[in-house]
N, C-alpha and C. Protein backbone atom coordinates (compact mmCIF):
# COMPACT_ATOMS: atom_id res chain seq x y z
N UNK A 1 2.56 1.51 -29.83
CA UNK A 1 2.69 1.18 -28.48
C UNK A 1 1.76 0.38 -27.68
N UNK A 2 2.25 0.32 -26.66
CA UNK A 2 1.24 -0.83 -25.95
C UNK A 2 1.17 -1.23 -24.66
N UNK A 3 0.61 -1.27 -23.94
CA UNK A 3 0.58 -1.54 -22.38
C UNK A 3 1.17 -2.81 -22.27
N UNK A 4 2.12 -3.35 -20.96
CA UNK A 4 3.45 -4.20 -20.90
C UNK A 4 2.14 -5.16 -19.92
N UNK A 5 2.46 -6.46 -20.21
CA UNK A 5 1.69 -7.10 -19.37
C UNK A 5 2.70 -7.13 -17.69
N UNK A 6 1.48 -7.45 -17.04
CA UNK A 6 2.31 -7.04 -15.63
C UNK A 6 2.74 -7.79 -15.10
N UNK A 7 4.00 -7.85 -14.62
CA UNK A 7 5.17 -8.85 -14.45
C UNK A 7 4.71 -9.43 -13.12
N UNK A 8 5.35 -10.83 -13.20
CA UNK A 8 5.15 -11.63 -12.14
C UNK A 8 6.15 -11.15 -10.85
N UNK A 9 5.51 -11.51 -9.25
CA UNK A 9 6.35 -11.06 -8.48
C UNK A 9 6.58 -12.75 -8.00
N UNK A 10 8.44 -12.20 -7.86
CA UNK A 10 9.25 -13.09 -7.47
C UNK A 10 9.94 -12.83 -6.57
N UNK A 11 10.47 -14.10 -5.75
CA UNK A 11 10.79 -14.10 -4.43
C UNK A 11 12.56 -13.91 -4.40
N UNK A 12 13.01 -12.79 -3.63
CA UNK A 12 14.27 -12.81 -3.88
C UNK A 12 15.46 -13.66 -3.81
N UNK A 13 16.60 -14.43 -4.44
CA UNK A 13 17.02 -15.15 -3.77
C UNK A 13 17.78 -15.16 -2.93
N UNK A 14 18.23 -16.37 -1.75
CA UNK A 14 18.77 -16.46 -1.04
C UNK A 14 20.22 -15.73 -0.80
N UNK A 15 20.94 -16.26 -2.11
CA UNK A 15 22.12 -15.81 -2.35
C UNK A 15 22.50 -14.18 -2.20
N UNK A 16 21.22 -13.63 -2.67
CA UNK A 16 21.12 -11.98 -2.74
C UNK A 16 20.66 -11.57 -1.94
N UNK A 17 19.80 -11.88 -0.92
CA UNK A 17 19.03 -11.28 0.45
C UNK A 17 19.22 -12.16 1.72
N UNK A 18 19.17 -11.20 2.49
CA UNK A 18 18.79 -12.40 4.05
C UNK A 18 17.82 -11.26 4.10
N UNK A 19 16.40 -12.37 4.75
CA UNK A 19 15.10 -12.14 4.86
C UNK A 19 14.58 -12.05 3.81
N UNK A 20 12.91 -12.06 3.71
CA UNK A 20 12.22 -12.34 2.80
C UNK A 20 12.33 -10.76 1.62
N UNK A 21 12.17 -11.03 0.33
CA UNK A 21 12.24 -9.69 -0.04
C UNK A 21 11.77 -10.45 -1.52
N UNK A 22 11.17 -9.65 -2.25
CA UNK A 22 9.72 -9.88 -3.20
C UNK A 22 10.03 -8.69 -4.22
N UNK A 23 10.74 -8.93 -5.58
CA UNK A 23 10.46 -8.41 -6.61
C UNK A 23 10.05 -9.01 -7.90
N UNK A 24 9.63 -7.23 -8.26
CA UNK A 24 8.95 -6.88 -9.82
C UNK A 24 9.70 -6.36 -10.86
N UNK A 25 10.19 -6.77 -11.91
CA UNK A 25 10.93 -6.57 -13.07
C UNK A 25 10.28 -5.56 -13.59
N UNK A 26 9.65 -3.90 -13.48
CA UNK A 26 9.06 -3.13 -14.41
C UNK A 26 9.56 -2.38 -15.90
N UNK A 27 10.87 -2.41 -15.99
CA UNK A 27 11.21 -2.06 -17.10
C UNK A 27 12.38 -3.14 -17.30
N UNK A 28 13.11 -3.67 -18.67
CA UNK A 28 13.93 -4.19 -18.96
C UNK A 28 14.24 -4.03 -20.24
N UNK A 29 15.52 -3.76 -20.75
CA UNK A 29 15.92 -4.31 -22.52
C UNK A 29 14.81 -4.42 -23.49
N UNK A 30 14.73 -4.15 -23.76
CA UNK A 30 13.94 -4.64 -25.22
C UNK A 30 14.45 -5.19 -26.24
N UNK A 31 15.60 -4.00 -26.91
CA UNK A 31 15.73 -3.88 -28.13
C UNK A 31 17.30 -4.12 -27.96
N UNK A 32 18.27 -4.35 -28.81
CA UNK A 32 19.49 -3.98 -29.20
C UNK A 32 20.06 -2.44 -28.28
N UNK A 33 20.65 -1.93 -27.98
CA UNK A 33 21.27 -0.87 -27.82
C UNK A 33 20.45 0.00 -25.96
N UNK A 34 19.34 -0.77 -25.56
CA UNK A 34 18.66 -0.57 -24.32
C UNK A 34 19.38 -1.07 -23.33
N UNK A 35 19.39 -0.37 -21.97
CA UNK A 35 20.29 -1.13 -21.11
C UNK A 35 19.40 -0.57 -19.56
N UNK A 36 18.52 -0.04 -20.31
CA UNK A 36 17.85 0.78 -18.57
C UNK A 36 16.81 -0.46 -18.09
N UNK A 37 17.19 -0.24 -16.77
CA UNK A 37 15.87 -1.58 -15.41
C UNK A 37 15.29 -0.97 -14.46
N UNK A 38 14.04 -0.88 -14.09
CA UNK A 38 13.39 -0.68 -13.09
C UNK A 38 13.12 -1.52 -12.36
N UNK A 39 12.92 -1.64 -11.66
CA UNK A 39 12.53 -3.00 -10.69
C UNK A 39 11.81 -2.67 -9.19
N UNK A 40 10.50 -3.13 -8.66
CA UNK A 40 9.90 -2.64 -7.66
C UNK A 40 10.48 -4.08 -6.74
N UNK A 41 10.88 -3.47 -5.70
CA UNK A 41 11.69 -4.44 -4.29
C UNK A 41 10.61 -3.99 -3.16
N UNK A 42 10.31 -4.69 -2.40
CA UNK A 42 9.71 -4.85 -1.41
C UNK A 42 10.39 -5.93 -0.55
N UNK A 43 10.92 -5.51 1.05
CA UNK A 43 11.53 -5.82 1.73
C UNK A 43 10.52 -6.11 3.23
N UNK A 44 10.74 -7.30 3.62
CA UNK A 44 9.89 -7.36 4.67
C UNK A 44 10.72 -6.99 6.24
N UNK A 45 10.31 -6.31 7.12
CA UNK A 45 11.21 -5.89 8.05
C UNK A 45 12.84 -6.60 8.60
N UNK A 46 13.85 -6.04 8.65
CA UNK A 46 14.80 -6.80 9.10
C UNK A 46 15.57 -7.28 7.39
N UNK A 47 14.57 -7.34 6.50
CA UNK A 47 15.22 -7.82 5.52
C UNK A 47 16.36 -6.87 4.65
N UNK A 48 17.16 -7.47 4.19
CA UNK A 48 18.55 -6.47 3.05
C UNK A 48 19.10 -7.46 2.09
N UNK A 49 19.79 -6.76 1.61
CA UNK A 49 20.74 -7.42 -0.03
C UNK A 49 21.86 -7.58 0.87
N UNK A 50 22.73 -8.35 0.23
CA UNK A 50 24.04 -8.64 0.36
C UNK A 50 24.80 -7.22 -0.19
N UNK A 51 26.21 -7.87 0.31
CA UNK A 51 26.73 -6.30 -0.54
C UNK A 51 27.47 -6.70 -1.73
N UNK A 52 26.83 -5.54 -2.89
CA UNK A 52 26.83 -5.93 -4.06
C UNK A 52 27.53 -4.44 -4.78
N UNK A 53 27.90 -4.15 -5.74
CA UNK A 53 28.05 -2.87 -6.75
C UNK A 53 27.29 -3.46 -7.89
N UNK A 54 27.12 -1.88 -8.61
CA UNK A 54 26.85 -1.85 -10.13
C UNK A 54 27.84 -1.28 -11.03
N UNK A 55 28.02 -1.98 -12.05
CA UNK A 55 29.12 -1.09 -13.07
C UNK A 55 28.59 0.24 -13.44
N UNK A 56 27.54 0.14 -13.58
CA UNK A 56 27.24 1.48 -13.76
C UNK A 56 26.03 2.33 -13.05
N UNK A 57 26.41 1.93 -11.35
CA UNK A 57 25.49 3.10 -10.96
C UNK A 57 23.93 2.25 -10.82
N UNK A 58 23.43 2.82 -9.67
CA UNK A 58 21.92 2.86 -9.47
C UNK A 58 21.35 3.57 -8.60
N UNK A 59 20.15 3.79 -8.85
CA UNK A 59 19.31 4.48 -8.20
C UNK A 59 18.18 4.18 -7.76
N UNK A 60 17.86 4.33 -6.52
CA UNK A 60 17.07 3.84 -5.62
C UNK A 60 15.84 5.28 -5.32
N UNK A 61 14.70 4.95 -5.43
CA UNK A 61 13.76 5.65 -4.79
C UNK A 61 12.95 4.97 -3.82
N UNK A 62 12.61 5.51 -2.69
CA UNK A 62 11.51 4.89 -1.67
C UNK A 62 10.39 5.44 -1.41
N UNK A 63 9.44 4.06 -1.63
CA UNK A 63 8.26 4.26 -1.57
C UNK A 63 6.99 4.18 -0.66
N UNK A 64 7.85 3.54 0.23
CA UNK A 64 7.39 3.04 1.78
C UNK A 64 8.20 2.43 2.81
N UNK A 65 8.00 3.15 4.09
CA UNK A 65 8.57 2.28 5.08
C UNK A 65 9.91 3.19 5.12
N UNK A 66 11.25 2.66 5.80
CA UNK A 66 12.29 3.47 6.18
C UNK A 66 13.64 2.47 5.85
N UNK A 67 14.34 3.00 4.85
CA UNK A 67 15.15 2.45 3.94
C UNK A 67 16.27 2.23 4.95
N UNK A 68 17.30 1.50 4.88
CA UNK A 68 18.86 1.68 5.57
C UNK A 68 19.93 1.38 4.58
N UNK A 69 20.72 2.54 4.27
CA UNK A 69 21.79 1.69 3.22
C UNK A 69 22.80 2.17 3.81
N UNK A 70 23.83 1.07 3.54
CA UNK A 70 25.17 1.17 3.99
C UNK A 70 26.58 1.03 2.77
N UNK A 71 27.70 1.67 3.08
CA UNK A 71 28.51 1.39 2.64
C UNK A 71 30.08 0.69 3.24
N UNK A 72 30.97 0.74 2.60
CA UNK A 72 32.16 -0.24 3.04
C UNK A 72 32.55 0.61 4.29
N UNK A 73 32.48 1.72 4.08
CA UNK A 73 33.22 2.74 5.05
C UNK A 73 32.46 2.44 6.20
N UNK A 74 31.53 2.34 6.66
CA UNK A 74 30.41 1.82 7.70
C UNK A 74 29.56 2.90 8.03
N UNK A 75 29.44 3.50 6.67
CA UNK A 75 27.90 4.46 7.03
C UNK A 75 26.87 3.76 6.73
N UNK A 76 25.49 4.40 7.44
CA UNK A 76 24.69 3.70 7.19
C UNK A 76 23.40 4.87 7.59
N UNK A 77 23.04 4.93 6.36
CA UNK A 77 21.92 6.37 6.24
C UNK A 77 20.58 5.53 6.34
N UNK A 78 19.55 6.53 6.30
CA UNK A 78 17.88 6.38 6.51
C UNK A 78 17.43 7.17 5.45
N UNK A 79 16.81 6.38 5.11
CA UNK A 79 16.05 7.10 3.83
C UNK A 79 14.53 6.75 3.98
N UNK A 80 13.68 8.09 3.67
CA UNK A 80 12.18 7.89 3.83
C UNK A 80 11.39 7.74 2.31
N UNK A 81 10.15 7.50 2.46
CA UNK A 81 9.30 8.01 1.08
C UNK A 81 9.61 9.34 0.87
N UNK A 82 9.92 9.22 -0.79
CA UNK A 82 10.24 10.09 -1.37
C UNK A 82 11.89 10.56 -1.40
N UNK A 83 12.45 9.98 -0.99
CA UNK A 83 14.12 10.24 -1.02
C UNK A 83 14.40 9.18 -2.12
N UNK A 84 15.41 9.73 -2.68
CA UNK A 84 15.95 9.22 -3.93
C UNK A 84 17.50 9.01 -3.53
N UNK A 85 17.97 8.38 -3.92
CA UNK A 85 19.16 7.87 -3.24
C UNK A 85 20.36 7.28 -4.24
N UNK A 86 21.22 7.80 -4.91
CA UNK A 86 21.99 7.37 -5.89
C UNK A 86 23.59 6.60 -5.13
N UNK A 87 24.44 5.47 -6.01
CA UNK A 87 25.25 4.70 -5.00
C UNK A 87 25.72 4.94 -6.67
N UNK A 88 27.06 5.50 -7.08
CA UNK A 88 27.57 5.56 -8.06
C UNK A 88 28.27 3.90 -8.24
N UNK A 89 28.84 4.42 -9.73
CA UNK A 89 29.43 3.13 -10.53
C UNK A 89 30.84 2.43 -9.35
N UNK A 90 30.52 0.99 -9.11
CA UNK A 90 31.50 0.00 -8.50
C UNK A 90 31.32 0.24 -6.59
N UNK A 91 30.61 1.18 -6.42
CA UNK A 91 30.76 1.26 -4.95
C UNK A 91 29.50 0.04 -4.31
N UNK A 92 30.56 -0.67 -3.41
CA UNK A 92 30.39 -1.84 -2.56
C UNK A 92 29.12 -1.17 -1.53
N UNK A 93 27.89 -1.80 -1.42
CA UNK A 93 27.00 -0.66 -0.62
C UNK A 93 25.85 -2.49 -0.46
N UNK A 94 24.55 -1.92 0.15
CA UNK A 94 23.78 -2.92 1.06
C UNK A 94 22.41 -1.81 1.10
N UNK A 95 21.36 -2.34 1.22
CA UNK A 95 19.80 -1.71 1.26
C UNK A 95 18.67 -2.51 1.62
N UNK A 96 18.19 -1.87 3.00
CA UNK A 96 17.35 -2.79 3.23
C UNK A 96 16.37 -2.32 3.78
N UNK A 97 15.20 -2.78 4.48
CA UNK A 97 14.13 -2.23 5.25
C UNK A 97 15.02 -2.01 7.12
N UNK A 98 14.07 -1.63 7.83
CA UNK A 98 14.77 -1.09 9.24
C UNK A 98 13.84 -2.65 9.68
N UNK A 99 14.55 -2.83 11.05
CA UNK A 99 13.96 -3.61 11.60
C UNK A 99 12.49 -3.74 12.23
N UNK A 100 11.59 -2.47 11.95
CA UNK A 100 10.29 -2.69 12.24
C UNK A 100 9.49 -2.39 11.47
N UNK A 101 9.68 -2.44 10.19
CA UNK A 101 8.03 -1.90 9.11
C UNK A 101 8.93 -2.36 7.84
N UNK A 102 8.31 -3.18 6.93
CA UNK A 102 8.46 -3.57 5.46
C UNK A 102 8.72 -1.90 4.62
N UNK A 103 9.76 -2.34 3.67
CA UNK A 103 10.33 -1.15 3.03
C UNK A 103 9.94 -1.48 1.57
N UNK A 104 9.92 -0.35 1.10
CA UNK A 104 9.77 -0.79 -0.87
C UNK A 104 10.47 0.17 -1.03
N UNK A 105 11.17 0.25 -2.32
CA UNK A 105 11.58 0.97 -3.27
C UNK A 105 11.77 0.70 -4.46
N UNK A 106 12.18 1.65 -5.68
CA UNK A 106 12.17 1.38 -6.84
C UNK A 106 13.78 1.48 -7.31
N UNK A 107 14.07 0.72 -8.20
CA UNK A 107 15.23 0.20 -7.88
C UNK A 107 16.04 0.34 -9.45
N UNK A 108 16.64 1.55 -9.96
CA UNK A 108 17.05 1.87 -11.36
C UNK A 108 18.29 1.68 -11.54
N UNK A 109 19.02 1.18 -12.82
CA UNK A 109 20.00 0.72 -13.01
C UNK A 109 20.05 0.72 -14.80
N UNK A 110 21.08 0.70 -15.25
CA UNK A 110 21.78 -0.02 -16.38
C UNK A 110 22.59 -0.93 -16.63
N UNK A 111 22.53 -1.80 -17.37
CA UNK A 111 23.27 -3.09 -17.07
C UNK A 111 24.13 -3.16 -18.29
N UNK A 112 25.13 -3.80 -17.73
CA UNK A 112 26.31 -3.96 -18.53
C UNK A 112 26.80 -5.35 -19.23
N UNK A 113 27.96 -5.60 -19.76
CA UNK A 113 27.82 -6.89 -20.58
C UNK A 113 28.03 -7.97 -18.99
N UNK A 114 29.26 -7.60 -18.48
CA UNK A 114 30.00 -8.93 -17.66
C UNK A 114 29.70 -8.49 -16.04
N UNK A 115 29.34 -8.99 -15.18
CA UNK A 115 28.30 -10.32 -14.93
C UNK A 115 26.83 -9.97 -15.63
N UNK A 116 26.24 -10.89 -15.79
CA UNK A 116 24.78 -10.66 -16.11
C UNK A 116 24.32 -9.52 -15.65
N UNK A 117 23.31 -8.38 -15.80
CA UNK A 117 23.07 -7.04 -15.38
C UNK A 117 24.08 -6.06 -14.69
N UNK A 118 25.56 -6.39 -14.78
CA UNK A 118 26.22 -5.66 -14.47
C UNK A 118 26.25 -5.59 -12.60
N UNK A 119 25.89 -6.52 -12.05
CA UNK A 119 26.19 -6.45 -10.73
C UNK A 119 26.76 -7.21 -9.86
N UNK A 120 27.59 -6.96 -9.20
CA UNK A 120 28.59 -7.88 -8.59
C UNK A 120 28.18 -8.41 -7.33
N UNK A 121 27.60 -9.27 -6.91
CA UNK A 121 27.07 -9.90 -5.62
C UNK A 121 28.58 -10.41 -4.60
N UNK A 122 28.00 -10.21 -3.51
CA UNK A 122 29.61 -10.58 -2.54
C UNK A 122 28.76 -11.03 -0.96
N UNK A 123 29.45 -10.99 -0.23
CA UNK A 123 28.94 -11.78 0.74
C UNK A 123 27.55 -10.75 1.18
N UNK A 124 26.95 -11.54 2.29
CA UNK A 124 26.19 -11.24 3.29
C UNK A 124 26.75 -10.39 4.48
N UNK A 125 25.42 -9.06 4.60
CA UNK A 125 25.87 -7.99 5.60
C UNK A 125 25.72 -8.54 7.15
N UNK A 126 26.68 -8.48 7.77
CA UNK A 126 26.62 -9.29 9.43
C UNK A 126 25.48 -8.14 9.95
N UNK A 127 25.30 -8.90 11.03
CA UNK A 127 24.08 -8.26 12.02
C UNK A 127 24.59 -6.67 12.46
N UNK A 128 25.92 -7.00 12.88
CA UNK A 128 26.56 -5.53 13.29
C UNK A 128 26.66 -4.40 12.31
N UNK A 129 27.20 -4.88 10.98
CA UNK A 129 26.82 -3.76 10.12
C UNK A 129 25.43 -3.60 9.71
N UNK A 130 24.72 -4.34 9.71
CA UNK A 130 23.21 -4.23 9.81
C UNK A 130 22.97 -3.17 10.41
N UNK A 131 23.08 -2.97 12.10
CA UNK A 131 22.61 -2.57 13.03
C UNK A 131 23.33 -1.08 13.35
N UNK A 132 24.55 -0.83 12.50
CA UNK A 132 25.65 0.09 12.94
C UNK A 132 24.34 1.67 12.08
N UNK A 133 24.44 2.24 12.55
CA UNK A 133 23.83 3.72 12.21
C UNK A 133 24.54 5.20 12.64
N UNK A 134 24.43 5.96 11.86
CA UNK A 134 25.64 7.19 11.46
C UNK A 134 24.76 8.23 11.79
């Protein structure tokens, strides 16, 4: 057993995010057969992912701020620190910070083979979809 080095914080790519987002990869597969990933993702106010889906689903645990999470059917939910949100395999969704404060979550998912990491990225979320609340 060993203490892992602290991962560098990286800026989220513009192809995947609207606004400023920072990512730290905390857990990644180390040996053949492992698939688990865990990242800390911090969103500036109003920042959000593009539409995307995960081959094997995703779990988000909110640690700071108010998260907004949307699905293709128009539903947008709010989640707060301590809330855990599960998105099933293949469901197209987005998540990000409310307009007025930073938001941080832990993102857990399993990789699959294709595409890399098992994440399918789509178009950016429109302002009207972002502003919709249920």
